[in-house]
Amino acid sequence: MHMRGFVVVLLFCTSLSCLAQEVSMESVSVGDSVVVEDTLQAVLLTDVMENATVYQDSMVRQLMIDKQLGIQRGKVEVDGFRVQVYSSNQQQIAKNESLILQQELEKVLSKTVYTISEPPFWKVRVGDFLTREDAMLYKNELVSQFPDLQSSAYVVPDKVIVVN
């Protein structure tokens, strides 16, 4: 049985219909069996898909470009500076106070706030700065916004997290 021709096939893709324009069907007899080879040449989406608008974050495009170029981006830890706003070695009191201060600062600051336990001390530090100068500028902004931190805020060297 030999059959050649083009057939229009209606496919259903998840609840949306897709229209296949040309499907080449070629049958070849091999002994008593028939081998059928389908070639789907073009698929048109329905009007619903033709009018679809796709919104994507600009970072998606950047990630796709990075992947093509073999660039791996991510967070890395480097030597830098943070603004320390709290330090205490009174174990239970220090732990509770540092966690409460962290929560309060996170509500109003755009920088990351870290609670650090270096026994016997509990510390609260703010930001990830590559230079001491940037950390000093931020410390001054922080103290002007929160005058109560004047006596406890100072710049300290630390491992900081940056996106490469």
N, C-alpha and C. Protein backbone atom coordinates (compact mmCIF):
# COMPACT_ATOMS: atom_id res chain seq x y z
N MET A 1 0.86 -1.16 0.00
CA MET A 1 0.00 0.00 0.00
C MET A 1 0.90 1.23 0.00
N HIS A 2 0.86 2.01 -1.10
CA HIS A 2 1.66 3.22 -1.22
C HIS A 2 0.73 4.43 -1.15
N MET A 3 1.06 5.42 -0.29
CA MET A 3 0.22 6.60 -0.17
C MET A 3 1.10 7.82 0.00
N ARG A 4 0.85 8.88 -0.81
CA ARG A 4 1.57 10.15 -0.68
C ARG A 4 0.53 11.25 -0.67
N GLY A 5 0.76 12.26 0.14
CA GLY A 5 -0.17 13.39 0.15
C GLY A 5 0.06 14.29 1.34
N PHE A 6 -0.59 15.39 1.25
CA PHE A 6 -0.51 16.36 2.35
C PHE A 6 -1.84 16.39 3.07
N VAL A 7 -1.78 16.38 4.34
CA VAL A 7 -2.99 16.31 5.15
C VAL A 7 -2.96 17.45 6.17
N VAL A 8 -4.10 18.06 6.38
CA VAL A 8 -4.20 19.08 7.42
C VAL A 8 -4.69 18.39 8.68
N VAL A 9 -3.91 18.53 9.69
CA VAL A 9 -4.20 17.84 10.95
C VAL A 9 -4.48 18.85 12.03
N LEU A 10 -5.48 18.62 12.79
CA LEU A 10 -5.82 19.49 13.90
C LEU A 10 -5.28 18.87 15.18
N LEU A 11 -4.37 19.59 15.81
CA LEU A 11 -3.77 19.12 17.05
C LEU A 11 -4.30 19.92 18.22
N PHE A 12 -4.37 19.33 19.34
CA PHE A 12 -4.79 20.05 20.54
C PHE A 12 -3.61 20.10 21.51
N CYS A 13 -3.17 21.32 21.82
CA CYS A 13 -2.05 21.51 22.76
C CYS A 13 -2.60 22.10 24.03
N THR A 14 -2.63 21.35 25.02
CA THR A 14 -3.18 21.72 26.35
C THR A 14 -4.53 22.41 26.20
N SER A 15 -5.38 22.64 25.91
CA SER A 15 -6.60 23.41 25.75
C SER A 15 -6.51 24.46 24.65
N LEU A 16 -5.37 24.63 23.98
CA LEU A 16 -5.28 25.53 22.84
C LEU A 16 -5.11 24.69 21.58
N SER A 17 -5.77 25.08 20.51
CA SER A 17 -5.65 24.33 19.26
C SER A 17 -4.47 24.85 18.45
N CYS A 18 -3.74 23.94 17.88
CA CYS A 18 -2.65 24.29 16.98
C CYS A 18 -2.98 23.70 15.62
N LEU A 19 -2.73 24.44 14.56
CA LEU A 19 -3.05 23.98 13.23
C LEU A 19 -1.77 23.63 12.49
N ALA A 20 -1.67 22.42 12.04
CA ALA A 20 -0.50 22.02 11.27
C ALA A 20 -0.81 22.27 9.81
N GLN A 21 0.01 23.08 9.13
CA GLN A 21 -0.26 23.44 7.74
C GLN A 21 -0.03 22.27 6.81
N GLU A 22 1.14 21.73 6.82
CA GLU A 22 1.44 20.66 5.89
C GLU A 22 2.06 19.50 6.63
N VAL A 23 1.46 18.35 6.49
CA VAL A 23 2.03 17.15 7.06
C VAL A 23 2.27 16.19 5.92
N SER A 24 3.50 15.83 5.70
CA SER A 24 3.83 14.90 4.63
C SER A 24 3.78 13.50 5.20
N MET A 25 2.99 12.65 4.60
CA MET A 25 2.90 11.27 5.07
C MET A 25 3.44 10.38 3.97
N GLU A 26 4.45 9.63 4.29
CA GLU A 26 5.09 8.76 3.32
C GLU A 26 5.02 7.34 3.85
N SER A 27 4.42 6.46 3.08
CA SER A 27 4.33 5.06 3.50
C SER A 27 5.24 4.22 2.64
N VAL A 28 5.97 3.36 3.26
CA VAL A 28 6.88 2.48 2.53
C VAL A 28 6.57 1.05 2.95
N SER A 29 6.36 0.17 1.96
CA SER A 29 6.07 -1.23 2.22
C SER A 29 7.35 -2.00 2.50
N VAL A 30 7.40 -2.67 3.62
CA VAL A 30 8.54 -3.53 3.95
C VAL A 30 7.96 -4.88 4.30
N GLY A 31 8.01 -5.81 3.34
CA GLY A 31 7.41 -7.13 3.55
C GLY A 31 5.91 -6.97 3.73
N ASP A 32 5.38 -7.52 4.83
CA ASP A 32 3.95 -7.42 5.11
C ASP A 32 3.61 -6.18 5.93
N SER A 33 4.63 -5.44 6.46
CA SER A 33 4.35 -4.29 7.31
C SER A 33 4.50 -2.99 6.55
N VAL A 34 3.91 -1.95 7.06
CA VAL A 34 3.95 -0.63 6.45
C VAL A 34 4.63 0.32 7.44
N VAL A 35 5.68 1.04 6.99
CA VAL A 35 6.37 2.01 7.83
C VAL A 35 5.88 3.39 7.43
N VAL A 36 5.40 4.17 8.39
CA VAL A 36 4.87 5.50 8.11
C VAL A 36 5.81 6.53 8.73
N GLU A 37 6.23 7.52 7.93
CA GLU A 37 7.12 8.57 8.41
C GLU A 37 6.40 9.90 8.29
N ASP A 38 6.17 10.57 9.40
CA ASP A 38 5.47 11.85 9.41
C ASP A 38 6.47 12.98 9.50
N THR A 39 6.29 14.01 8.72
CA THR A 39 7.12 15.20 8.82
C THR A 39 6.21 16.39 9.02
N LEU A 40 6.28 16.98 10.16
CA LEU A 40 5.48 18.17 10.45
C LEU A 40 6.28 19.37 9.98
N GLN A 41 5.79 20.06 8.92
CA GLN A 41 6.57 21.14 8.33
C GLN A 41 6.30 22.49 8.98
N ALA A 42 5.08 22.79 9.37
CA ALA A 42 4.83 24.09 9.98
C ALA A 42 3.63 24.00 10.89
N VAL A 43 3.71 24.67 11.99
CA VAL A 43 2.60 24.70 12.94
C VAL A 43 2.22 26.15 13.18
N LEU A 44 0.94 26.45 12.96
CA LEU A 44 0.46 27.80 13.22
C LEU A 44 -0.32 27.80 14.52
N LEU A 45 -0.09 28.79 15.33
CA LEU A 45 -0.84 28.91 16.57
C LEU A 45 -2.18 29.57 16.28
N THR A 46 -3.14 29.30 17.11
CA THR A 46 -4.46 29.90 16.93
C THR A 46 -4.41 31.39 17.19
N ASP A 47 -5.50 32.08 16.91
CA ASP A 47 -5.57 33.52 17.13
C ASP A 47 -5.23 33.90 18.57
N VAL A 48 -5.56 33.02 19.49
CA VAL A 48 -5.28 33.31 20.90
C VAL A 48 -3.79 33.51 21.10
N MET A 49 -2.97 32.65 20.54
CA MET A 49 -1.53 32.74 20.71
C MET A 49 -0.93 33.85 19.86
N GLU A 50 -1.52 34.14 18.71
CA GLU A 50 -0.99 35.20 17.86
C GLU A 50 -1.10 36.56 18.54
N ASN A 51 -2.07 36.73 19.41
CA ASN A 51 -2.29 38.00 20.09
C ASN A 51 -1.73 38.02 21.51
N ALA A 52 -0.95 37.01 21.87
CA ALA A 52 -0.40 36.94 23.23
C ALA A 52 0.73 37.94 23.39
N THR A 53 0.83 38.53 24.58
CA THR A 53 1.92 39.43 24.92
C THR A 53 2.73 38.78 26.02
N VAL A 54 4.06 38.74 25.85
CA VAL A 54 4.93 38.12 26.83
C VAL A 54 5.69 39.21 27.56
N TYR A 55 5.63 39.20 28.89
CA TYR A 55 6.37 40.14 29.72
C TYR A 55 7.47 39.36 30.41
N GLN A 56 8.69 39.88 30.38
CA GLN A 56 9.77 39.21 31.09
C GLN A 56 10.71 40.23 31.71
N ASP A 57 11.25 39.88 32.84
CA ASP A 57 12.20 40.73 33.54
C ASP A 57 13.47 40.84 32.69
N SER A 58 14.11 41.99 32.71
CA SER A 58 15.33 42.19 31.91
C SER A 58 16.44 41.24 32.33
N MET A 59 16.40 40.77 33.57
CA MET A 59 17.43 39.83 34.04
C MET A 59 17.32 38.48 33.31
N VAL A 60 16.12 38.11 32.86
CA VAL A 60 15.96 36.85 32.13
C VAL A 60 16.78 36.90 30.85
N ARG A 61 16.68 38.01 30.13
CA ARG A 61 17.46 38.18 28.90
C ARG A 61 18.96 38.14 29.22
N GLN A 62 19.38 38.82 30.28
CA GLN A 62 20.80 38.84 30.65
C GLN A 62 21.28 37.44 31.00
N LEU A 63 20.47 36.67 31.72
CA LEU A 63 20.85 35.31 32.06
C LEU A 63 21.00 34.43 30.83
N MET A 64 20.11 34.64 29.83
CA MET A 64 20.19 33.87 28.59
C MET A 64 21.47 34.20 27.83
N ILE A 65 21.82 35.48 27.78
CA ILE A 65 23.06 35.91 27.12
C ILE A 65 24.27 35.34 27.85
N ASP A 66 24.25 35.44 29.19
CA ASP A 66 25.35 34.90 29.99
C ASP A 66 25.53 33.41 29.74
N LYS A 67 24.43 32.67 29.66
CA LYS A 67 24.51 31.23 29.44
C LYS A 67 25.14 30.94 28.08
N GLN A 68 24.74 31.69 27.05
CA GLN A 68 25.33 31.49 25.72
C GLN A 68 26.82 31.79 25.72
N LEU A 69 27.23 32.79 26.49
CA LEU A 69 28.64 33.17 26.53
C LEU A 69 29.45 32.35 27.54
N GLY A 70 28.75 31.52 28.31
CA GLY A 70 29.44 30.70 29.30
C GLY A 70 29.81 31.45 30.56
N ILE A 71 29.13 32.55 30.84
CA ILE A 71 29.41 33.36 32.02
C ILE A 71 28.55 32.86 33.17
N GLN A 72 29.17 32.61 34.31
CA GLN A 72 28.42 32.20 35.50
C GLN A 72 28.41 33.34 36.49
N ARG A 73 27.22 33.76 36.86
CA ARG A 73 27.08 34.85 37.82
C ARG A 73 26.50 34.28 39.11
N GLY A 74 26.79 34.97 40.18
CA GLY A 74 26.25 34.55 41.46
C GLY A 74 26.81 35.40 42.57
N LYS A 75 26.46 35.03 43.77
CA LYS A 75 26.94 35.76 44.94
C LYS A 75 28.26 35.15 45.39
N VAL A 76 29.22 36.02 45.68
CA VAL A 76 30.50 35.57 46.19
C VAL A 76 30.86 36.38 47.43
N GLU A 77 31.68 35.79 48.27
CA GLU A 77 32.13 36.46 49.49
C GLU A 77 33.53 37.01 49.27
N VAL A 78 33.70 38.30 49.56
CA VAL A 78 35.00 38.96 49.40
C VAL A 78 35.29 39.80 50.63
N ASP A 79 36.53 40.25 50.77
CA ASP A 79 36.89 41.14 51.87
C ASP A 79 36.25 42.50 51.63
N GLY A 80 35.62 43.03 52.67
CA GLY A 80 34.97 44.32 52.56
C GLY A 80 34.69 44.89 53.94
N PHE A 81 33.61 45.66 54.02
CA PHE A 81 33.27 46.36 55.27
C PHE A 81 31.77 46.34 55.50
N ARG A 82 31.42 46.41 56.79
CA ARG A 82 30.02 46.56 57.21
C ARG A 82 29.97 47.59 58.32
N VAL A 83 28.75 48.08 58.57
CA VAL A 83 28.56 49.02 59.67
C VAL A 83 27.99 48.22 60.84
N GLN A 84 28.75 48.13 61.91
CA GLN A 84 28.28 47.43 63.11
C GLN A 84 27.48 48.40 63.95
N VAL A 85 26.26 47.98 64.33
CA VAL A 85 25.38 48.87 65.10
C VAL A 85 25.06 48.31 66.48
N TYR A 86 25.54 47.08 66.77
CA TYR A 86 25.26 46.49 68.07
C TYR A 86 26.29 45.40 68.35
N SER A 87 26.71 45.31 69.62
CA SER A 87 27.59 44.24 70.07
C SER A 87 27.43 44.09 71.58
N SER A 88 27.25 42.85 72.01
CA SER A 88 27.12 42.59 73.45
C SER A 88 27.53 41.15 73.73
N ASN A 89 28.06 40.93 74.94
CA ASN A 89 28.44 39.57 75.34
C ASN A 89 27.56 39.03 76.46
N GLN A 90 26.46 39.67 76.75
CA GLN A 90 25.51 39.17 77.75
C GLN A 90 24.56 38.20 77.04
N GLN A 91 24.90 36.92 77.06
CA GLN A 91 24.32 35.88 76.22
C GLN A 91 22.82 35.99 75.90
N GLN A 92 21.93 35.74 76.81
CA GLN A 92 20.51 35.73 76.51
C GLN A 92 19.98 37.11 76.13
N ILE A 93 20.40 38.11 76.85
CA ILE A 93 19.95 39.48 76.56
C ILE A 93 20.46 39.89 75.18
N ALA A 94 21.73 39.63 74.90
CA ALA A 94 22.34 40.04 73.63
C ALA A 94 21.68 39.34 72.44
N LYS A 95 21.39 38.08 72.60
CA LYS A 95 20.75 37.33 71.50
C LYS A 95 19.39 37.93 71.17
N ASN A 96 18.57 38.12 72.18
CA ASN A 96 17.23 38.68 71.96
C ASN A 96 17.29 40.10 71.40
N GLU A 97 18.14 40.93 71.99
CA GLU A 97 18.25 42.32 71.53
C GLU A 97 18.75 42.41 70.09
N SER A 98 19.71 41.57 69.74
CA SER A 98 20.25 41.62 68.38
C SER A 98 19.21 41.18 67.36
N LEU A 99 18.44 40.15 67.68
CA LEU A 99 17.40 39.68 66.75
C LEU A 99 16.28 40.72 66.60
N ILE A 100 15.90 41.36 67.69
CA ILE A 100 14.86 42.41 67.63
C ILE A 100 15.36 43.59 66.82
N LEU A 101 16.61 44.01 67.06
CA LEU A 101 17.18 45.13 66.31
C LEU A 101 17.27 44.79 64.82
N GLN A 102 17.68 43.58 64.50
CA GLN A 102 17.75 43.17 63.10
C GLN A 102 16.38 43.28 62.43
N GLN A 103 15.34 42.77 63.08
CA GLN A 103 13.99 42.83 62.53
C GLN A 103 13.52 44.27 62.32
N GLU A 104 13.79 45.13 63.29
CA GLU A 104 13.39 46.54 63.18
C GLU A 104 14.12 47.25 62.05
N LEU A 105 15.41 47.02 61.92
CA LEU A 105 16.18 47.67 60.86
C LEU A 105 15.79 47.16 59.47
N GLU A 106 15.51 45.87 59.36
CA GLU A 106 15.11 45.31 58.07
C GLU A 106 13.83 45.93 57.53
N LYS A 107 12.96 46.39 58.44
CA LYS A 107 11.70 47.02 58.03
C LYS A 107 11.93 48.34 57.31
N VAL A 108 13.01 49.06 57.67
CA VAL A 108 13.20 50.42 57.14
C VAL A 108 14.43 50.60 56.26
N LEU A 109 15.36 49.67 56.29
CA LEU A 109 16.59 49.84 55.52
C LEU A 109 16.54 49.05 54.21
N SER A 110 17.22 49.57 53.20
CA SER A 110 17.31 48.85 51.94
C SER A 110 18.52 47.92 51.91
N LYS A 111 19.42 48.06 52.86
CA LYS A 111 20.61 47.20 52.96
C LYS A 111 20.30 45.95 53.77
N THR A 112 21.10 44.91 53.53
CA THR A 112 20.94 43.67 54.28
C THR A 112 21.46 43.85 55.70
N VAL A 113 20.71 43.29 56.66
CA VAL A 113 21.08 43.37 58.08
C VAL A 113 21.44 41.95 58.55
N TYR A 114 22.59 41.84 59.18
CA TYR A 114 23.10 40.54 59.62
C TYR A 114 23.19 40.47 61.14
N THR A 115 22.73 39.36 61.72
CA THR A 115 22.97 39.08 63.14
C THR A 115 24.05 38.02 63.17
N ILE A 116 25.11 38.32 63.90
CA ILE A 116 26.29 37.45 63.92
C ILE A 116 26.56 37.01 65.35
N SER A 117 26.78 35.71 65.50
CA SER A 117 27.16 35.17 66.81
C SER A 117 28.62 34.76 66.75
N GLU A 118 29.44 35.48 67.49
CA GLU A 118 30.86 35.12 67.66
C GLU A 118 31.07 35.01 69.17
N PRO A 119 30.79 33.80 69.73
CA PRO A 119 30.82 33.66 71.18
C PRO A 119 32.04 34.31 71.82
N PRO A 120 31.82 35.04 72.87
CA PRO A 120 30.56 35.23 73.60
C PRO A 120 29.74 36.42 73.07
N PHE A 121 30.08 37.00 71.94
CA PHE A 121 29.41 38.21 71.45
C PHE A 121 28.28 37.92 70.46
N TRP A 122 27.27 38.78 70.52
CA TRP A 122 26.22 38.86 69.51
C TRP A 122 26.35 40.24 68.88
N LYS A 123 26.34 40.29 67.54
CA LYS A 123 26.56 41.55 66.84
C LYS A 123 25.50 41.73 65.75
N VAL A 124 25.20 43.00 65.46
CA VAL A 124 24.32 43.32 64.33
C VAL A 124 25.11 44.22 63.40
N ARG A 125 25.20 43.80 62.14
CA ARG A 125 25.95 44.57 61.14
C ARG A 125 25.06 44.82 59.93
N VAL A 126 25.33 45.95 59.27
CA VAL A 126 24.49 46.36 58.14
C VAL A 126 25.34 46.55 56.89
N GLY A 127 24.83 46.05 55.76
CA GLY A 127 25.42 46.34 54.46
C GLY A 127 26.54 45.42 54.04
N ASP A 128 26.89 45.58 52.75
CA ASP A 128 28.00 44.88 52.12
C ASP A 128 28.75 45.92 51.30
N PHE A 129 29.85 46.43 51.83
CA PHE A 129 30.58 47.52 51.17
C PHE A 129 31.98 47.05 50.79
N LEU A 130 32.40 47.40 49.60
CA LEU A 130 33.74 47.01 49.14
C LEU A 130 34.81 47.94 49.66
N THR A 131 34.44 49.20 49.94
CA THR A 131 35.44 50.15 50.43
C THR A 131 35.04 50.70 51.80
N ARG A 132 36.04 51.06 52.58
CA ARG A 132 35.80 51.68 53.88
C ARG A 132 35.04 53.00 53.70
N GLU A 133 35.37 53.75 52.65
CA GLU A 133 34.74 55.05 52.39
C GLU A 133 33.23 54.91 52.19
N ASP A 134 32.83 53.90 51.40
CA ASP A 134 31.39 53.67 51.18
C ASP A 134 30.69 53.31 52.49
N ALA A 135 31.35 52.49 53.29
CA ALA A 135 30.78 52.09 54.58
C ALA A 135 30.66 53.30 55.51
N MET A 136 31.66 54.18 55.50
CA MET A 136 31.62 55.40 56.34
C MET A 136 30.47 56.31 55.92
N LEU A 137 30.29 56.49 54.61
CA LEU A 137 29.17 57.32 54.12
C LEU A 137 27.84 56.75 54.59
N TYR A 138 27.70 55.43 54.48
CA TYR A 138 26.45 54.81 54.90
C TYR A 138 26.27 54.91 56.41
N LYS A 139 27.34 54.75 57.17
CA LYS A 139 27.26 54.90 58.64
C LYS A 139 26.73 56.28 59.00
N ASN A 140 27.23 57.31 58.33
CA ASN A 140 26.77 58.68 58.60
C ASN A 140 25.28 58.85 58.27
N GLU A 141 24.83 58.25 57.18
CA GLU A 141 23.40 58.30 56.83
C GLU A 141 22.57 57.57 57.90
N LEU A 142 23.08 56.42 58.32
CA LEU A 142 22.38 55.60 59.31
C LEU A 142 22.24 56.33 60.63
N VAL A 143 23.31 56.97 61.08
CA VAL A 143 23.30 57.70 62.35
C VAL A 143 22.39 58.92 62.26
N SER A 144 22.35 59.57 61.09
CA SER A 144 21.43 60.71 60.96
C SER A 144 19.97 60.25 60.97
N GLN A 145 19.73 59.04 60.47
CA GLN A 145 18.37 58.49 60.48
C GLN A 145 18.01 57.90 61.85
N PHE A 146 18.99 57.34 62.55
CA PHE A 146 18.79 56.73 63.86
C PHE A 146 19.82 57.28 64.84
N PRO A 147 19.58 58.47 65.41
CA PRO A 147 20.56 59.10 66.33
C PRO A 147 20.95 58.23 67.52
N ASP A 148 20.07 57.32 67.95
CA ASP A 148 20.38 56.44 69.08
C ASP A 148 21.56 55.51 68.79
N LEU A 149 21.88 55.32 67.51
CA LEU A 149 22.99 54.43 67.13
C LEU A 149 24.35 55.13 67.12
N GLN A 150 24.35 56.42 67.39
CA GLN A 150 25.57 57.24 67.33
C GLN A 150 26.74 56.61 68.08
N SER A 151 26.50 56.16 69.32
CA SER A 151 27.61 55.66 70.15
C SER A 151 28.00 54.22 69.81
N SER A 152 27.12 53.47 69.14
CA SER A 152 27.43 52.06 68.90
C SER A 152 27.76 51.75 67.44
N ALA A 153 27.57 52.70 66.53
CA ALA A 153 27.81 52.43 65.11
C ALA A 153 29.24 52.74 64.71
N TYR A 154 29.90 51.76 64.09
CA TYR A 154 31.22 52.01 63.53
C TYR A 154 31.50 51.02 62.41
N VAL A 155 32.44 51.33 61.55
CA VAL A 155 32.76 50.52 60.39
C VAL A 155 33.74 49.42 60.81
N VAL A 156 33.46 48.18 60.36
CA VAL A 156 34.33 47.05 60.69
C VAL A 156 34.66 46.27 59.41
N PRO A 157 35.86 45.73 59.33
CA PRO A 157 36.18 44.86 58.20
C PRO A 157 35.42 43.54 58.37
N ASP A 158 34.97 42.97 57.25
CA ASP A 158 34.19 41.73 57.31
C ASP A 158 34.20 41.10 55.93
N LYS A 159 33.81 39.85 55.86
CA LYS A 159 33.56 39.22 54.58
C LYS A 159 32.19 39.71 54.13
N VAL A 160 32.10 40.22 52.90
CA VAL A 160 30.84 40.74 52.41
C VAL A 160 30.41 39.96 51.18
N ILE A 161 29.12 40.03 50.89
CA ILE A 161 28.56 39.31 49.76
C ILE A 161 28.31 40.27 48.61
N VAL A 162 28.86 39.95 47.45
CA VAL A 162 28.64 40.78 46.27
C VAL A 162 28.18 39.87 45.12
N VAL A 163 27.46 40.45 44.17
CA VAL A 163 27.02 39.72 42.99
C VAL A 163 28.02 40.01 41.89
N ASN A 164 28.57 38.95 41.31
CA ASN A 164 29.54 39.17 40.23
C ASN A 164 28.89 39.10 38.88
